[in-house]
Amino acid sequence: MAPDHTITTPVKPSAITEVKADGTVDDPLFTGTLADKPVTPIIINQNLLDILITPGAEGKPATAALTPAVSPWKLVSEVQTVGAGKETEIEDPKVAPDDANTILISGTIAAGSAPALKVYELEDPATFARMALIEALQRVGVTVSANPTEANPEQSLPDQATVAALRSAARLVSLPLGEEVKYVMKISYNRGAQTLVCRLAVDAGKTACNAGMPVMQSIWAAAKLDTLGASLVDGSGLDGNLITAQNAVDIQAIMAKRPDAKRWQGTMPILGVDGSLADVQADSKAAGKVFAKTGPLLAGDAFNNRYRLVTKTLGGVMDNKKGGHLAFTIMVNQGFYTELAVVFEANDDVGKVAALIQQAY
């Protein structure tokens, strides 16, 4: 499901005033996982609950807000505001031991600092979507008999042929594929990237997301890419996916020759303008002229108590000074840092290299 949608047939104007049913989200289109979390056909807010913590006055509780706000999910915050300049240390949110729909968050946030964002990843997106749907229907005056707090009753679903034959009361139309890809690329949305692989599997008549990988390989092989230059386990940029610098450049060169090359270029973050490159080299003469995808992968070095930047990449296309175009990739492997803040400087470093190349040619 895309990040934004259009409801072409709203429920309320369809004259439905009451729903007498369990209220089941039918999501067996595909099944898969990414980083040990489910990849699902139903997605609301990236299957995350956002928790925004805003500091108050020193010594006072911070303000915490949960988005999206869907009953019966509740947030209990024990985050306290400490003196300006002191450490902001907020624990990762967790579910209360006595209530599966209550999120607990605790820690400290410095007075006068910017709000802090934490996220809670939903374990059961279908059940959350069911809750959200029931609540949305109730907001527009539709009476729903189903209990919104119950788990999604998938076992009660009839077979797919029966479901497909049911009358449709409302329809949700996603964004065009190009806009979905832009969303995935601009913010490095790994689960969204894997969802595209899952949809390749469905197109091939399969339900397991892994079945989409050979389909993806055949598409790239047909486009004359030497696919042996990559070793991929899924559609994300996470651990286990490897690619050579040559292969990365070849992909960009192949895409640049296509009639929709400009649309592809438009999906990538733009140096100093938007996406994951919005704050990189914004004052450079190369800003707005480099279109590239970022790719960091971070690990730890427990032996030396430091961070290990497994890889930091930047690859795409750029408009050069002579009016031409260059396909490029920059890869840095196995860098070591003692502070996490310094790790993020690697994004600026590879951006600076890209800017220097753009200005040099």
Protein backbone atom coordinates (compact mmCIF):
# COMPACT_ATOMS: atom_id res chain seq x y z
CA MET A 1 0.00 0.00 0.00
CA ALA A 2 1.34 3.40 -0.94
CA PRO A 3 2.04 6.20 1.54
CA ASP A 4 -0.96 8.15 0.30
CA HIS A 5 -4.15 6.99 -1.32
CA THR A 6 -7.44 8.12 -2.79
CA ILE A 7 -10.71 6.59 -1.60
CA THR A 8 -12.71 6.57 -4.80
CA THR A 9 -15.91 5.23 -3.22
CA PRO A 10 -16.32 6.39 0.40
CA VAL A 11 -18.25 4.11 2.76
CA LYS A 12 -20.59 6.74 4.24
CA PRO A 13 -22.17 7.97 0.97
CA SER A 14 -22.78 4.32 -0.02
CA ALA A 15 -25.73 4.35 2.42
CA ILE A 16 -24.12 1.86 4.80
CA THR A 17 -25.09 2.79 8.37
CA GLU A 18 -24.41 -0.44 10.22
CA VAL A 19 -21.88 -3.28 9.96
CA LYS A 20 -22.80 -6.60 11.58
CA ALA A 21 -19.67 -8.68 11.15
CA ASP A 22 -16.37 -9.61 12.78
CA GLY A 23 -14.58 -6.96 10.79
CA THR A 24 -11.69 -8.90 9.27
CA VAL A 25 -8.69 -7.58 7.39
CA ASP A 26 -8.04 -9.98 4.53
CA ASP A 27 -4.27 -9.84 4.04
CA PRO A 28 -3.01 -13.19 2.67
CA LEU A 29 -1.85 -11.60 -0.60
CA PHE A 30 1.77 -12.28 0.37
CA THR A 31 3.84 -13.24 3.40
CA GLY A 32 7.39 -12.34 4.32
CA THR A 33 9.70 -10.80 6.88
CA LEU A 34 12.42 -8.18 6.97
CA ALA A 35 14.81 -7.88 9.91
CA ASP A 36 12.62 -10.40 11.77
CA LYS A 37 9.53 -8.19 11.38
CA PRO A 38 6.55 -8.95 9.13
CA VAL A 39 6.24 -7.51 5.66
CA THR A 40 2.51 -7.27 5.10
CA PRO A 41 0.03 -6.27 2.37
CA ILE A 42 -1.71 -3.94 4.83
CA ILE A 43 0.43 -0.94 5.84
CA ILE A 44 -0.56 2.04 7.96
CA ASN A 45 2.13 4.61 8.76
CA GLN A 46 4.84 2.13 7.76
CA ASN A 47 3.36 -0.19 10.45
CA LEU A 48 4.84 2.13 13.08
CA LEU A 49 3.45 4.14 15.96
CA ASP A 50 5.30 7.45 16.19
CA ILE A 51 5.98 8.85 19.65
CA LEU A 52 6.95 12.53 19.73
CA ILE A 53 8.45 13.68 23.03
CA THR A 54 8.57 17.43 23.67
CA PRO A 55 10.49 18.83 26.66
CA GLY A 56 8.74 20.94 29.27
CA ALA A 57 10.24 23.12 31.98
CA GLU A 58 13.22 21.71 33.87
CA GLY A 59 12.04 19.23 36.48
CA LYS A 60 8.64 18.77 34.83
CA PRO A 61 7.28 15.84 32.81
CA ALA A 62 7.78 15.99 29.06
CA THR A 63 4.81 15.92 26.71
CA ALA A 64 4.43 12.76 24.64
CA ALA A 65 2.02 12.21 21.75
CA LEU A 66 1.16 9.01 19.88
CA THR A 67 0.54 9.02 16.10
CA PRO A 68 -1.57 7.61 14.60
CA ALA A 69 -4.00 7.87 17.52
CA VAL A 70 -6.07 4.69 17.29
CA SER A 71 -8.09 3.29 20.18
CA PRO A 72 -7.48 1.30 22.27
CA TRP A 73 -3.76 2.05 21.96
CA LYS A 74 -2.57 4.26 24.80
CA LEU A 75 0.74 5.88 25.70
CA VAL A 76 2.09 6.18 29.23
CA SER A 77 5.11 8.49 29.42
CA GLU A 78 7.54 8.76 32.30
CA VAL A 79 9.98 11.01 30.42
CA GLN A 80 11.22 13.87 32.61
CA THR A 81 12.67 17.20 31.51
CA VAL A 82 16.22 17.81 32.75
CA GLY A 83 18.37 20.93 32.61
CA ALA A 84 19.33 22.49 29.30
CA GLY A 85 22.52 21.00 27.92
CA LYS A 86 22.15 17.74 29.83
CA GLU A 87 21.84 14.35 28.16
CA THR A 88 18.64 13.32 26.41
CA GLU A 89 18.31 9.61 27.11
CA ILE A 90 14.98 8.07 26.16
CA GLU A 91 14.49 4.32 26.32
CA ASP A 92 12.98 2.46 23.38
CA PRO A 93 9.22 2.12 23.84
CA LYS A 94 7.81 -1.17 25.08
CA VAL A 95 4.42 -2.74 25.70
CA ALA A 96 3.08 -2.70 29.25
CA PRO A 97 3.25 -6.14 30.90
CA ASP A 98 -0.43 -6.03 31.86
CA ASP A 99 -1.90 -4.43 28.71
CA ALA A 100 -0.86 -5.32 25.16
CA ASN A 101 -2.29 -2.04 23.85
CA THR A 102 -0.43 0.30 26.20
CA ILE A 103 3.02 1.59 25.28
CA LEU A 104 5.44 2.66 27.99
CA ILE A 105 8.23 5.14 27.45
CA SER A 106 10.67 6.56 29.98
CA GLY A 107 13.89 8.57 30.20
CA THR A 108 15.01 12.17 30.14
CA ILE A 109 14.99 15.01 27.62
CA ALA A 110 16.91 18.28 27.94
CA ALA A 111 14.94 21.49 28.44
CA GLY A 112 14.95 23.69 25.35
CA SER A 113 16.00 20.85 23.04
CA ALA A 114 14.18 19.85 19.89
CA PRO A 115 11.41 17.25 20.23
CA ALA A 116 12.64 13.65 20.11
CA LEU A 117 11.02 10.95 17.98
CA LYS A 118 10.76 7.31 18.98
CA VAL A 119 8.88 4.58 17.11
CA TYR A 120 7.14 1.39 18.13
CA GLU A 121 6.98 -1.28 15.45
CA LEU A 122 3.65 -3.11 15.27
CA GLU A 123 3.86 -6.87 15.65
CA ASP A 124 0.39 -7.47 14.15
CA PRO A 125 -0.34 -4.88 11.43
CA ALA A 126 -3.60 -6.58 10.37
CA THR A 127 -5.08 -6.30 13.87
CA PHE A 128 -4.02 -2.64 14.08
CA ALA A 129 -5.56 -1.95 10.66
CA ARG A 130 -8.79 -3.61 11.81
CA MET A 131 -8.88 -1.34 14.88
CA ALA A 132 -8.24 1.73 12.71
CA LEU A 133 -10.94 0.76 10.20
CA ILE A 134 -13.59 0.18 12.87
CA GLU A 135 -12.75 3.49 14.52
CA ALA A 136 -12.83 5.33 11.17
CA LEU A 137 -16.28 3.88 10.40
CA GLN A 138 -17.55 4.91 13.80
CA ARG A 139 -16.26 8.46 13.28
CA VAL A 140 -18.53 8.90 10.25
CA GLY A 141 -21.56 7.49 12.06
CA VAL A 142 -21.46 3.85 10.95
CA THR A 143 -22.41 1.45 13.75
CA VAL A 144 -20.02 -1.51 13.97
CA SER A 145 -20.90 -4.51 16.12
CA ALA A 146 -17.39 -6.00 16.10
CA ASN A 147 -15.17 -5.60 19.14
CA PRO A 148 -12.24 -3.42 17.97
CA THR A 149 -9.85 -4.79 20.61
CA GLU A 150 -9.99 -8.38 19.38
CA ALA A 151 -7.26 -9.86 17.21
CA ASN A 152 -7.90 -9.94 13.48
CA PRO A 153 -10.00 -13.13 13.02
CA GLU A 154 -8.26 -14.41 9.91
CA GLN A 155 -9.49 -17.95 10.54
CA SER A 156 -13.06 -16.81 9.85
CA LEU A 157 -12.31 -15.70 6.29
CA PRO A 158 -13.93 -17.65 3.46
CA ASP A 159 -11.85 -18.73 0.48
CA GLN A 160 -10.48 -16.11 -1.91
CA ALA A 161 -13.04 -16.83 -4.62
CA THR A 162 -15.88 -16.12 -2.19
CA VAL A 163 -14.22 -12.92 -0.97
CA ALA A 164 -13.65 -11.73 -4.54
CA ALA A 165 -17.34 -12.25 -5.35
CA LEU A 166 -18.53 -10.01 -2.51
CA ARG A 167 -20.00 -6.60 -3.34
CA SER A 168 -17.50 -3.77 -2.92
CA ALA A 169 -18.69 -0.92 -0.67
CA ALA A 170 -15.58 1.26 -1.07
CA ARG A 171 -12.37 1.21 -3.04
CA LEU A 172 -8.90 2.48 -2.14
CA VAL A 173 -6.67 3.42 -5.08
CA SER A 174 -2.94 3.65 -4.50
CA LEU A 175 -0.56 6.14 -6.01
CA PRO A 176 1.03 5.25 -9.36
CA LEU A 177 4.01 2.91 -9.12
CA GLY A 178 6.45 5.73 -9.90
CA GLU A 179 5.22 7.69 -6.88
CA GLU A 180 5.51 4.64 -4.64
CA VAL A 181 9.08 4.10 -5.82
CA LYS A 182 9.86 7.76 -5.18
CA TYR A 183 8.62 7.42 -1.59
CA VAL A 184 10.78 4.31 -1.08
CA MET A 185 13.88 5.90 -2.59
CA LYS A 186 13.72 9.39 -1.09
CA ILE A 187 13.62 8.19 2.53
CA SER A 188 15.34 4.79 2.17
CA TYR A 189 12.18 2.89 3.12
CA ASN A 190 13.53 -0.66 3.28
CA ARG A 191 10.24 -2.37 4.08
CA GLY A 192 8.62 -0.57 1.17
CA ALA A 193 11.40 -1.83 -1.12
CA GLN A 194 10.81 -5.39 0.03
CA THR A 195 7.08 -4.95 -0.53
CA LEU A 196 7.82 -4.29 -4.22
CA VAL A 197 9.61 -7.66 -4.36
CA CYS A 198 6.59 -9.28 -2.68
CA ARG A 199 4.36 -7.86 -5.38
CA LEU A 200 6.60 -9.39 -8.05
CA ALA A 201 6.02 -12.73 -6.34
CA VAL A 202 2.25 -12.20 -6.41
CA ASP A 203 2.42 -11.33 -10.10
CA ALA A 204 4.14 -14.67 -10.62
CA GLY A 205 1.32 -16.46 -8.80
CA LYS A 206 3.21 -16.94 -5.52
CA THR A 207 2.53 -15.77 -1.97
CA ALA A 208 6.00 -16.10 -0.45
CA CYS A 209 7.94 -12.85 -0.89
CA ASN A 210 11.18 -14.75 -1.56
CA ALA A 211 9.63 -15.95 -4.82
CA GLY A 212 9.95 -12.40 -6.11
CA MET A 213 13.75 -12.48 -6.07
CA PRO A 214 14.26 -14.67 -9.17
CA VAL A 215 11.64 -12.57 -10.95
CA MET A 216 13.66 -9.45 -10.15
CA GLN A 217 16.83 -11.16 -11.36
CA SER A 218 15.21 -12.09 -14.67
CA ILE A 219 14.05 -8.49 -15.21
CA TRP A 220 17.56 -7.13 -14.70
CA ALA A 221 19.14 -9.88 -16.80
CA ALA A 222 16.75 -9.02 -19.64
CA ALA A 223 17.90 -5.40 -19.33
CA LYS A 224 21.51 -6.63 -19.98
CA LEU A 225 22.77 -6.22 -16.41
CA ASP A 226 25.46 -8.70 -15.35
CA THR A 227 23.55 -9.84 -12.27
CA LEU A 228 26.55 -11.82 -11.01
CA GLY A 229 27.87 -8.47 -9.81
CA ALA A 230 25.30 -8.58 -7.01
CA SER A 231 24.36 -11.03 -4.27
CA LEU A 232 20.97 -10.17 -2.82
CA VAL A 233 18.82 -11.77 -0.12
CA ASP A 234 15.86 -9.36 -0.37
CA GLY A 235 14.81 -6.04 -1.82
CA SER A 236 16.19 -3.88 0.99
CA GLY A 237 19.55 -2.27 1.59
CA LEU A 238 20.06 -4.14 4.84
CA ASP A 239 22.67 -6.71 5.90
CA GLY A 240 23.24 -9.59 3.50
CA ASN A 241 22.85 -7.59 0.29
CA LEU A 242 26.09 -7.07 -1.64
CA ILE A 243 26.85 -5.29 -4.90
CA THR A 244 30.01 -4.28 -6.73
CA ALA A 245 30.74 -0.67 -7.66
CA GLN A 246 30.69 -1.63 -11.34
CA ASN A 247 27.28 -3.26 -11.00
CA ALA A 248 25.89 -0.17 -9.26
CA VAL A 249 27.13 2.09 -12.07
CA ASP A 250 25.82 -0.31 -14.71
CA ILE A 251 22.34 -0.13 -13.19
CA GLN A 252 22.35 3.66 -13.42
CA ALA A 253 23.68 3.56 -17.00
CA ILE A 254 20.95 1.12 -18.04
CA MET A 255 18.25 3.27 -16.46
CA ALA A 256 19.66 6.42 -18.10
CA LYS A 257 19.08 4.93 -21.56
CA ARG A 258 15.41 4.20 -20.93
CA PRO A 259 12.63 6.48 -22.22
CA ASP A 260 11.51 7.00 -18.60
CA ALA A 261 15.03 7.92 -17.43
CA LYS A 262 13.89 11.31 -16.10
CA ARG A 263 11.20 9.69 -14.00
CA TRP A 264 13.77 7.30 -12.53
CA GLN A 265 16.11 10.20 -11.81
CA GLY A 266 13.25 11.97 -10.07
CA THR A 267 12.80 9.12 -7.59
CA MET A 268 16.26 9.60 -6.08
CA PRO A 269 17.24 12.05 -3.33
CA ILE A 270 18.66 15.31 -4.71
CA LEU A 271 21.89 16.67 -3.24
CA GLY A 272 21.13 19.58 -0.93
CA VAL A 273 17.44 19.56 -1.84
CA ASP A 274 15.38 16.66 -0.52
CA GLY A 275 15.17 13.14 0.88
CA SER A 276 18.18 11.68 2.67
CA LEU A 277 20.41 14.28 0.93
CA ALA A 278 18.38 17.36 1.92
CA ASP A 279 21.03 18.65 4.33
CA VAL A 280 24.09 17.42 2.44
CA GLN A 281 26.15 20.02 0.49
CA ALA A 282 23.16 22.38 0.42
CA ASP A 283 25.49 25.37 -0.12
CA SER A 284 27.57 23.66 -2.79
CA LYS A 285 27.46 24.60 -6.47
CA ALA A 286 26.60 20.94 -7.03
CA ALA A 287 23.35 21.20 -5.04
CA GLY A 288 20.36 20.26 -7.18
CA LYS A 289 22.57 18.59 -9.80
CA VAL A 290 23.31 15.23 -8.14
CA PHE A 291 20.55 12.60 -7.97
CA ALA A 292 21.63 9.67 -5.86
CA LYS A 293 20.56 6.97 -3.42
CA THR A 294 22.26 6.72 -0.04
CA GLY A 295 23.11 3.39 1.58
CA PRO A 296 24.53 3.16 5.12
CA LEU A 297 24.98 -0.04 7.11
CA LEU A 298 26.10 0.23 10.75
CA ALA A 299 27.40 -2.42 13.14
CA GLY A 300 29.39 -2.51 16.35
CA ASP A 301 32.90 -3.36 17.50
CA ALA A 302 32.31 -4.65 21.04
CA PHE A 303 35.99 -5.52 21.40
CA ASN A 304 37.03 -1.87 21.16
CA ASN A 305 33.74 -0.27 22.25
CA ARG A 306 33.28 1.63 19.01
CA TYR A 307 31.01 1.79 15.97
CA ARG A 308 31.79 0.07 12.68
CA LEU A 309 30.41 1.58 9.51
CA VAL A 310 30.13 -1.58 7.45
CA THR A 311 29.48 0.44 4.33
CA LYS A 312 28.43 3.89 3.26
CA THR A 313 27.45 4.31 -0.37
CA LEU A 314 26.08 6.99 -2.64
CA GLY A 315 25.20 6.18 -6.21
CA GLY A 316 23.16 7.69 -8.99
CA VAL A 317 23.53 10.22 -11.78
CA MET A 318 24.69 13.83 -11.97
CA ASP A 319 24.54 16.70 -14.42
CA ASN A 320 28.13 17.75 -15.01
CA LYS A 321 29.52 21.22 -15.74
CA LYS A 322 29.83 20.51 -19.46
CA GLY A 323 26.14 19.76 -19.86
CA GLY A 324 26.60 16.01 -19.90
CA HIS A 325 25.56 13.32 -17.46
CA LEU A 326 27.59 10.94 -15.32
CA ALA A 327 26.57 7.68 -13.69
CA PHE A 328 28.57 7.17 -10.51
CA THR A 329 28.89 5.30 -7.26
CA ILE A 330 30.94 6.05 -4.14
CA MET A 331 31.54 3.26 -1.63
CA VAL A 332 33.29 3.40 1.73
CA ASN A 333 33.73 0.12 3.61
CA GLN A 334 34.73 -0.69 7.18
CA GLY A 335 35.11 2.71 8.82
CA PHE A 336 35.44 2.96 12.61
CA TYR A 337 34.11 5.68 14.90
CA THR A 338 34.03 6.21 18.66
CA GLU A 339 30.91 8.39 18.64
CA LEU A 340 27.61 7.83 16.88
CA ALA A 341 27.34 11.49 15.87
CA VAL A 342 30.55 11.18 13.87
CA VAL A 343 29.09 8.24 11.94
CA PHE A 344 26.48 10.54 10.43
CA GLU A 345 29.27 12.75 9.13
CA ALA A 346 30.03 9.99 6.64
CA ASN A 347 26.88 11.03 4.78
CA ASP A 348 28.35 14.52 4.42
CA ASP A 349 31.73 13.09 3.40
CA VAL A 350 30.42 11.03 0.47
CA GLY A 351 28.21 13.97 -0.51
CA LYS A 352 31.26 16.20 -0.61
CA VAL A 353 33.06 13.71 -2.85
CA ALA A 354 30.05 13.66 -5.20
CA ALA A 355 30.01 17.47 -5.26
CA LEU A 356 33.74 17.58 -6.09
CA ILE A 357 33.25 15.12 -8.96
CA GLN A 358 30.32 17.11 -10.31
CA GLN A 359 32.30 20.35 -10.26
CA ALA A 360 35.42 18.74 -11.73
CA TYR A 361 33.71 17.37 -14.82
